[in-house]
Amino acid sequence: MTSGTMPEEVLVEEDFKLHHVSQQEDNYLAPEIEDMKQLEEDAKKEEYKMEYVWVNVGIQIGLHLGAFYGLYLSLTDAKWQTNLWMIVMTLYAGNSITAGAHRMWCHKSYKANFWVRLFYLVGTTMSIQSFFVSLIGSGRVSIQMNEHFQNDVIEWARDHRVKEMGKKVDMSDLEADPLLAFQRRHYVPLIFSSIFFLTAVPHYCWGESWNTAYFVGAILRLALQLHGTWFINSAAHTFGYKPFDTKITAVDTFFYACLTNGEAWHNYHHTFPQDYRASEYMWKGNMSAAMIDFFAYMGWVWDRKTMSKEAIERQKMKGDQSRPLKAAHNDEDDFDYITKAFSVKAHHD
C-alpha cells in the first residue's frame, strides 16, 4: 500500500481470509491526481510524437504469417493432441500474465509462495511479452496514465511519454526479487528454451512432425495468446459499459472477459486496481480469479485484497447505471460456501 496501512476485515478464519480495501485512495497504483494534472499540462506544451519500432513491425509480420500457416496445419494436418496442447499452453501462458504478472506483481493484490511465483514465471516467459520487470513496469504506467494515452503492448509503435512516465514508477520491489532477476539475466535463452519445449512435447510424446509441432504448438499458440493480451488495451477500452466511472475509457464486457481470463472487467479494474479479482464478480468470466482462489485453498496464496460491498456500491453512483447499484458479490457468502466445501487450513511459506 502506498500509505503503509490498510484496514483489514477477516471474513472467515485467519488462514483463509480476504483483506478489504475500504477506500479507493488506498489502492496501490490508483491514478495520482497531481500526476494526472501535470500530464495534462505537459501534453499542451509538446507535440504528440509516435515512434515506429520497425524491428518489431517485421517481427509481428513474420509471427502472423507463421500463425496463419499454423492455423492451416491445425485444421488439416495436426493431431488432436497437438491442438489440445496448443489450447492448454495458451491458457497457461495467458493466466500467468493475468494472475501473475498483472494482478500479483504489478498490483500487489495478493501474495504467493515460491512455487506459485515460479509457475507464473515460466508461463510468462512462454508468452514472450518481454521480461517481467519491463512488462510489469509498462503495466504500472498504463494503469496510472492510460486515460491520456495507451501503452501499446504490441509495441509496433511507442508513445515517448510512456518511457518518460516509466522512469517515475517505483520498481525496487521487482528488481529485488531473485526470480525476476534470474529471468532478466537469462531472458533470451529462456525464450528459445520455451519455444523448443512447446515444439518438442508434441513431437516426442505423440509423434507430431517437427514442422506442425512448431507452427501449431509454438507460433499459432503465441499469436493467439498475444491477441488475448492486446484485447485489453483495445476492445476493453472501446466496446462495453462503464458501471463504475463514466469519465475513463476502460469498459466492462463479459464476452471479452471470457477471452482474457477476466481482465476485461476493465472499468472495475481501473477504478479499483488492487482487487485481486479485477472484477466485482467472483468467478464470472474470470478464470484467473478461480485459479487464484484454488491456490489460496491449497495454502499457496494468501492476503488477497478485495473492495468492500459498501465501497463498490458507493462507486456505482458514478457509473452509467448499466448494472444494479447493489454489489454483485457477497464475500461472506462466497467464502463461507468455499470453506464448508473444502474444510482445510491453509499453510503459508
Protein backbone atom coordinates (compact mmCIF):
# COMPACT_ATOMS: atom_id res chain seq x y z
CA MET A 1 0.00 0.00 0.00
CA THR A 2 1.23 3.49 -0.70
CA SER A 3 0.04 4.69 2.68
CA GLY A 4 1.59 1.79 4.57
CA THR A 5 -1.64 0.95 6.40
CA MET A 6 -4.81 -0.79 5.40
CA PRO A 7 -7.97 -1.62 7.30
CA GLU A 8 -8.44 -5.38 7.38
CA GLU A 9 -11.56 -7.48 7.79
CA VAL A 10 -11.23 -11.21 8.46
CA LEU A 11 -14.10 -12.83 6.62
CA VAL A 12 -13.73 -16.46 7.62
CA GLU A 13 -10.74 -17.81 9.55
CA GLU A 14 -7.25 -16.49 9.96
CA ASP A 15 -5.70 -18.88 7.41
CA PHE A 16 -8.32 -18.23 4.73
CA LYS A 17 -9.07 -14.53 4.59
CA LEU A 18 -9.57 -11.54 2.38
CA HIS A 19 -8.43 -8.01 3.09
CA HIS A 20 -10.97 -5.34 2.31
CA VAL A 21 -9.54 -2.20 0.75
CA SER A 22 -12.25 0.10 2.05
CA GLN A 23 -11.11 3.34 0.44
CA GLN A 24 -10.42 3.83 -3.26
CA GLU A 25 -7.49 6.06 -2.26
CA ASP A 26 -5.86 3.01 -0.63
CA ASN A 27 -5.47 1.29 -3.99
CA TYR A 28 -1.85 0.78 -4.98
CA LEU A 29 -1.22 2.39 -8.39
CA ALA A 30 -4.54 4.22 -8.47
CA PRO A 31 -4.12 7.36 -10.59
CA GLU A 32 -2.49 10.21 -8.69
CA ILE A 33 -4.49 13.42 -9.20
CA GLU A 34 -1.43 15.68 -9.23
CA ASP A 35 0.35 13.45 -11.75
CA MET A 36 -2.72 13.47 -13.99
CA LYS A 37 -2.95 17.26 -13.88
CA GLN A 38 0.76 17.60 -14.63
CA LEU A 39 0.42 15.21 -17.56
CA GLU A 40 -2.41 17.30 -18.97
CA GLU A 41 -0.29 20.46 -18.73
CA ASP A 42 2.71 18.76 -20.33
CA ALA A 43 0.53 17.47 -23.18
CA LYS A 44 -0.50 21.04 -24.03
CA LYS A 45 3.13 22.15 -24.33
CA GLU A 46 4.59 19.42 -26.53
CA GLU A 47 3.75 17.91 -29.88
CA TYR A 48 2.40 14.37 -29.86
CA LYS A 49 5.11 12.03 -31.06
CA MET A 50 4.75 8.39 -32.09
CA GLU A 51 7.84 6.39 -32.97
CA TYR A 52 7.59 3.30 -35.16
CA VAL A 53 9.72 0.38 -33.98
CA TRP A 54 10.49 -1.16 -37.35
CA VAL A 55 12.22 -4.24 -35.96
CA ASN A 56 9.03 -5.09 -34.09
CA VAL A 57 6.94 -4.39 -37.19
CA GLY A 58 8.96 -7.01 -39.05
CA ILE A 59 8.71 -9.48 -36.15
CA GLN A 60 4.93 -9.08 -35.97
CA ILE A 61 4.53 -9.59 -39.74
CA GLY A 62 6.63 -12.75 -39.57
CA LEU A 63 4.77 -14.02 -36.48
CA HIS A 64 1.36 -13.58 -38.08
CA LEU A 65 2.35 -15.16 -41.37
CA GLY A 66 3.59 -18.14 -39.37
CA ALA A 67 0.39 -18.14 -37.30
CA PHE A 68 -1.79 -18.30 -40.42
CA TYR A 69 0.25 -21.25 -41.63
CA GLY A 70 -0.07 -22.82 -38.19
CA LEU A 71 -3.85 -22.36 -38.33
CA TYR A 72 -3.91 -24.13 -41.70
CA LEU A 73 -1.89 -27.03 -40.26
CA SER A 74 -4.12 -27.11 -37.19
CA LEU A 75 -7.19 -27.63 -39.38
CA THR A 76 -5.67 -30.01 -41.93
CA ASP A 77 -2.68 -31.88 -40.53
CA ALA A 78 -2.20 -31.61 -36.76
CA LYS A 79 -3.13 -34.45 -34.41
CA TRP A 80 -5.89 -33.67 -31.92
CA GLN A 81 -3.35 -33.92 -29.09
CA THR A 82 -1.33 -31.09 -30.69
CA ASN A 83 -4.38 -28.83 -30.91
CA LEU A 84 -5.26 -29.61 -27.29
CA TRP A 85 -1.65 -28.92 -26.27
CA MET A 86 -1.79 -25.57 -28.06
CA ILE A 87 -5.03 -24.59 -26.25
CA VAL A 88 -3.80 -25.67 -22.81
CA MET A 89 -0.48 -23.85 -23.19
CA THR A 90 -2.28 -20.72 -24.44
CA LEU A 91 -4.45 -20.72 -21.31
CA TYR A 92 -1.44 -21.39 -19.08
CA ALA A 93 0.67 -18.58 -20.50
CA GLY A 94 -2.28 -16.19 -20.58
CA ASN A 95 -3.23 -16.84 -16.97
CA SER A 96 0.39 -16.42 -15.93
CA ILE A 97 0.22 -12.92 -17.38
CA THR A 98 -3.17 -12.01 -15.92
CA ALA A 99 -2.98 -13.66 -12.50
CA GLY A 100 0.78 -13.42 -12.03
CA ALA A 101 2.42 -10.52 -13.84
CA HIS A 102 -0.63 -8.27 -13.68
CA ARG A 103 -2.60 -8.92 -10.50
CA MET A 104 0.14 -10.18 -8.19
CA TRP A 105 3.38 -8.50 -9.25
CA CYS A 106 2.02 -5.33 -10.85
CA HIS A 107 -0.80 -4.51 -8.40
CA LYS A 108 0.33 -6.46 -5.32
CA SER A 109 -3.22 -7.73 -4.88
CA TYR A 110 -2.13 -10.93 -3.12
CA LYS A 111 0.96 -12.87 -2.04
CA ALA A 112 2.16 -16.28 -3.20
CA ASN A 113 4.80 -18.82 -2.25
CA PHE A 114 7.94 -19.56 -4.27
CA TRP A 115 6.41 -22.37 -6.36
CA VAL A 116 3.40 -20.34 -7.49
CA ARG A 117 5.70 -17.47 -8.43
CA LEU A 118 7.91 -19.90 -10.38
CA PHE A 119 4.78 -21.31 -12.09
CA TYR A 120 3.87 -17.78 -13.21
CA LEU A 121 7.44 -17.00 -14.25
CA VAL A 122 7.63 -19.98 -16.61
CA GLY A 123 4.24 -19.20 -18.16
CA THR A 124 5.01 -15.53 -18.63
CA THR A 125 8.38 -16.31 -20.21
CA MET A 126 6.48 -18.59 -22.60
CA SER A 127 4.23 -15.65 -23.53
CA ILE A 128 7.23 -13.68 -24.89
CA GLN A 129 5.96 -10.29 -23.76
CA SER A 130 9.31 -9.00 -22.50
CA PHE A 131 10.91 -9.89 -19.20
CA PHE A 132 8.83 -9.38 -16.07
CA VAL A 133 10.35 -6.13 -14.82
CA SER A 134 9.82 -4.39 -18.17
CA LEU A 135 6.34 -5.89 -18.66
CA ILE A 136 5.11 -5.02 -15.17
CA GLY A 137 6.63 -1.56 -15.39
CA SER A 138 4.60 -0.96 -18.55
CA GLY A 139 1.52 -2.19 -16.74
CA ARG A 140 2.08 0.15 -13.82
CA VAL A 141 2.43 3.11 -16.16
CA SER A 142 -0.65 2.01 -18.10
CA ILE A 143 -2.98 1.77 -15.12
CA GLN A 144 -1.92 5.17 -13.82
CA MET A 145 -1.86 7.13 -17.04
CA ASN A 146 -3.76 5.42 -19.82
CA GLU A 147 -6.78 7.67 -19.70
CA HIS A 148 -4.47 10.09 -21.55
CA PHE A 149 -2.50 7.71 -23.72
CA GLN A 150 -2.46 3.99 -24.31
CA ASN A 151 0.56 1.87 -23.50
CA ASP A 152 0.68 -0.15 -26.71
CA VAL A 153 1.56 -3.70 -25.66
CA ILE A 154 2.04 -4.76 -29.28
CA GLU A 155 4.98 -2.30 -29.41
CA TRP A 156 4.90 -1.69 -33.15
CA ALA A 157 4.85 1.96 -32.16
CA ARG A 158 5.70 3.79 -28.95
CA ASP A 159 4.48 6.98 -27.36
CA HIS A 160 7.63 8.57 -25.91
CA ARG A 161 5.66 9.75 -22.85
CA VAL A 162 5.24 6.13 -21.72
CA LYS A 163 9.01 5.85 -21.40
CA GLU A 164 9.23 9.14 -19.51
CA MET A 165 6.48 8.17 -17.06
CA GLY A 166 8.10 4.77 -16.60
CA LYS A 167 11.11 6.46 -15.03
CA LYS A 168 8.86 7.75 -12.24
CA VAL A 169 7.40 4.36 -11.28
CA ASP A 170 8.94 2.56 -8.29
CA MET A 171 10.27 -0.80 -9.47
CA SER A 172 12.52 -1.59 -6.49
CA ASP A 173 10.30 -4.46 -5.28
CA LEU A 174 10.61 -6.20 -8.67
CA GLU A 175 14.32 -5.59 -9.03
CA ALA A 176 14.88 -7.15 -5.60
CA ASP A 177 13.00 -10.36 -6.46
CA PRO A 178 15.58 -13.12 -7.19
CA LEU A 179 13.24 -14.99 -9.54
CA LEU A 180 12.66 -11.89 -11.66
CA ALA A 181 16.36 -11.05 -11.59
CA PHE A 182 17.17 -14.54 -12.91
CA GLN A 183 14.65 -14.18 -15.73
CA ARG A 184 16.01 -10.79 -16.70
CA ARG A 185 19.61 -12.05 -16.85
CA HIS A 186 18.76 -15.12 -18.93
CA TYR A 187 15.71 -13.91 -20.86
CA VAL A 188 16.88 -14.73 -24.41
CA PRO A 189 17.98 -18.34 -23.74
CA LEU A 190 14.80 -18.87 -21.67
CA ILE A 191 12.70 -17.72 -24.64
CA PHE A 192 14.38 -20.16 -27.03
CA SER A 193 14.10 -22.93 -24.41
CA SER A 194 10.36 -22.33 -24.10
CA ILE A 195 9.90 -22.46 -27.90
CA PHE A 196 11.84 -25.74 -28.02
CA PHE A 197 9.75 -27.15 -25.16
CA LEU A 198 6.46 -26.22 -26.85
CA THR A 199 7.65 -27.89 -30.06
CA ALA A 200 9.37 -30.94 -28.57
CA VAL A 201 6.48 -32.18 -26.41
CA PRO A 202 4.12 -32.86 -29.38
CA HIS A 203 6.97 -34.40 -31.39
CA TYR A 204 8.32 -36.79 -28.76
CA CYS A 205 5.10 -37.55 -26.84
CA TRP A 206 2.69 -38.37 -29.67
CA GLY A 207 4.76 -38.35 -32.85
CA GLU A 208 3.79 -34.99 -34.34
CA SER A 209 6.07 -33.75 -37.11
CA TRP A 210 8.57 -31.06 -36.15
CA ASN A 211 7.05 -28.65 -38.66
CA THR A 212 3.47 -28.98 -37.41
CA ALA A 213 4.53 -29.06 -33.77
CA TYR A 214 6.45 -25.81 -34.23
CA PHE A 215 3.88 -23.81 -36.18
CA VAL A 216 0.86 -25.02 -34.16
CA GLY A 217 2.32 -25.62 -30.70
CA ALA A 218 4.62 -22.61 -30.62
CA ILE A 219 3.76 -19.97 -33.26
CA LEU A 220 -0.04 -20.20 -33.50
CA ARG A 221 -0.23 -20.50 -29.72
CA LEU A 222 1.88 -17.37 -29.28
CA ALA A 223 -0.20 -15.30 -31.72
CA LEU A 224 -3.49 -16.31 -30.07
CA GLN A 225 -2.20 -15.58 -26.59
CA LEU A 226 -0.76 -12.20 -27.61
CA HIS A 227 -4.06 -11.14 -29.18
CA GLY A 228 -5.79 -12.07 -25.94
CA THR A 229 -3.49 -9.64 -24.16
CA TRP A 230 -3.89 -6.93 -26.80
CA PHE A 231 -7.66 -7.10 -26.38
CA ILE A 232 -7.18 -5.37 -23.03
CA ASN A 233 -5.75 -2.15 -24.46
CA SER A 234 -8.12 -2.07 -27.43
CA ALA A 235 -11.53 -3.70 -27.12
CA ALA A 236 -11.64 -3.29 -23.34
CA HIS A 237 -11.37 0.47 -23.87
CA THR A 238 -13.94 0.62 -26.65
CA PHE A 239 -16.90 -1.76 -26.55
CA GLY A 240 -18.82 -2.15 -23.31
CA TYR A 241 -20.30 -0.44 -20.27
CA LYS A 242 -18.99 1.87 -17.56
CA PRO A 243 -20.79 0.84 -14.37
CA PHE A 244 -18.21 2.42 -12.04
CA ASP A 245 -16.77 5.50 -13.70
CA THR A 246 -18.01 7.19 -16.87
CA LYS A 247 -15.03 9.56 -17.05
CA ILE A 248 -12.48 6.90 -18.01
CA THR A 249 -12.10 4.96 -21.26
CA ALA A 250 -11.99 1.47 -19.76
CA VAL A 251 -15.19 -0.58 -20.11
CA ASP A 252 -16.64 -3.82 -18.71
CA THR A 253 -17.50 -6.57 -21.22
CA PHE A 254 -18.44 -10.15 -20.33
CA PHE A 255 -17.53 -11.56 -23.76
CA TYR A 256 -14.03 -10.08 -23.74
CA ALA A 257 -13.62 -11.03 -20.08
CA CYS A 258 -14.08 -14.67 -21.08
CA LEU A 259 -11.41 -14.29 -23.78
CA THR A 260 -8.94 -12.60 -21.42
CA ASN A 261 -9.25 -14.69 -18.24
CA GLY A 262 -11.28 -11.98 -16.50
CA GLU A 263 -9.19 -8.95 -17.45
CA ALA A 264 -11.91 -7.20 -19.48
CA TRP A 265 -13.96 -6.21 -16.44
CA HIS A 266 -11.81 -3.22 -17.13
CA ASN A 267 -13.90 -0.31 -15.87
CA TYR A 268 -13.92 -2.00 -12.48
CA HIS A 269 -10.19 -2.70 -12.61
CA HIS A 270 -9.24 0.89 -13.44
CA THR A 271 -11.48 2.08 -10.62
CA PHE A 272 -10.23 -0.46 -8.06
CA PRO A 273 -6.82 -1.63 -9.33
CA GLN A 274 -5.82 -3.64 -6.26
CA ASP A 275 -8.76 -6.04 -6.13
CA TYR A 276 -7.26 -9.45 -6.96
CA ARG A 277 -10.37 -10.45 -8.92
CA ALA A 278 -10.18 -7.38 -11.21
CA SER A 279 -13.98 -7.60 -11.14
CA GLU A 280 -16.91 -7.14 -8.81
CA TYR A 281 -17.88 -10.72 -9.62
CA MET A 282 -16.23 -13.73 -8.07
CA TRP A 283 -15.56 -16.18 -10.92
CA LYS A 284 -17.88 -14.96 -13.70
CA GLY A 285 -15.84 -14.89 -16.90
CA ASN A 286 -12.77 -14.86 -14.67
CA MET A 287 -10.56 -17.94 -14.93
CA SER A 288 -7.66 -16.15 -13.24
CA ALA A 289 -9.70 -15.38 -10.11
CA ALA A 290 -10.81 -19.02 -9.90
CA MET A 291 -7.19 -20.16 -10.22
CA ILE A 292 -6.02 -17.73 -7.52
CA ASP A 293 -8.79 -18.93 -5.20
CA PHE A 294 -7.77 -22.56 -5.81
CA PHE A 295 -4.19 -21.69 -4.93
CA ALA A 296 -5.49 -19.97 -1.78
CA TYR A 297 -7.45 -23.09 -0.84
CA MET A 298 -4.25 -25.11 -1.22
CA GLY A 299 -2.44 -22.65 1.06
CA TRP A 300 -0.11 -21.40 -1.65
CA VAL A 301 -1.65 -17.90 -1.91
CA TRP A 302 -2.74 -15.50 0.83
CA ASP A 303 -3.59 -11.88 1.67
CA ARG A 304 -5.94 -11.46 -1.28
CA LYS A 305 -7.33 -7.93 -1.38
CA THR A 306 -10.87 -7.01 -2.41
CA MET A 307 -13.08 -3.96 -2.27
CA SER A 308 -15.90 -4.00 0.26
CA LYS A 309 -19.52 -4.11 -0.92
CA GLU A 310 -20.03 -0.64 0.53
CA ALA A 311 -17.16 0.84 -1.50
CA ILE A 312 -18.39 -0.84 -4.69
CA GLU A 313 -21.96 0.35 -4.23
CA ARG A 314 -20.78 3.87 -3.42
CA GLN A 315 -18.66 3.98 -6.58
CA LYS A 316 -21.52 2.72 -8.77
CA MET A 317 -23.25 6.04 -8.19
CA LYS A 318 -20.60 7.50 -10.56
CA GLY A 319 -21.24 4.89 -13.26
CA ASP A 320 -23.62 4.65 -16.19
CA GLN A 321 -26.26 2.71 -14.20
CA SER A 322 -25.86 -0.27 -16.54
CA ARG A 323 -25.90 -2.59 -13.53
CA PRO A 324 -27.92 -2.68 -10.31
CA LEU A 325 -26.42 -0.42 -7.65
CA LYS A 326 -26.24 -3.35 -5.25
CA ALA A 327 -22.81 -5.03 -5.35
CA ALA A 328 -22.84 -8.27 -7.33
CA HIS A 329 -20.67 -10.22 -4.92
CA ASN A 330 -21.02 -11.13 -1.27
CA ASP A 331 -17.66 -12.18 0.12
CA GLU A 332 -19.06 -13.56 3.35
CA ASP A 333 -21.46 -15.90 1.50
CA ASP A 334 -18.93 -16.84 -1.19
CA PHE A 335 -16.16 -17.81 1.18
CA ASP A 336 -18.45 -19.43 3.74
CA TYR A 337 -19.52 -21.75 0.93
CA ILE A 338 -15.93 -22.49 -0.06
CA THR A 339 -14.74 -23.26 3.46
CA LYS A 340 -17.71 -25.57 4.01
CA ALA A 341 -16.97 -27.40 0.77
CA PHE A 342 -13.23 -27.59 1.46
CA SER A 343 -12.62 -27.80 5.17
CA VAL A 344 -8.86 -27.40 5.15
CA LYS A 345 -6.44 -24.99 6.75
CA ALA A 346 -4.01 -23.07 4.60
CA HIS A 347 -0.27 -23.17 5.27
CA HIS A 348 1.92 -20.30 4.11
CA ASP A 349 5.65 -20.16 3.37
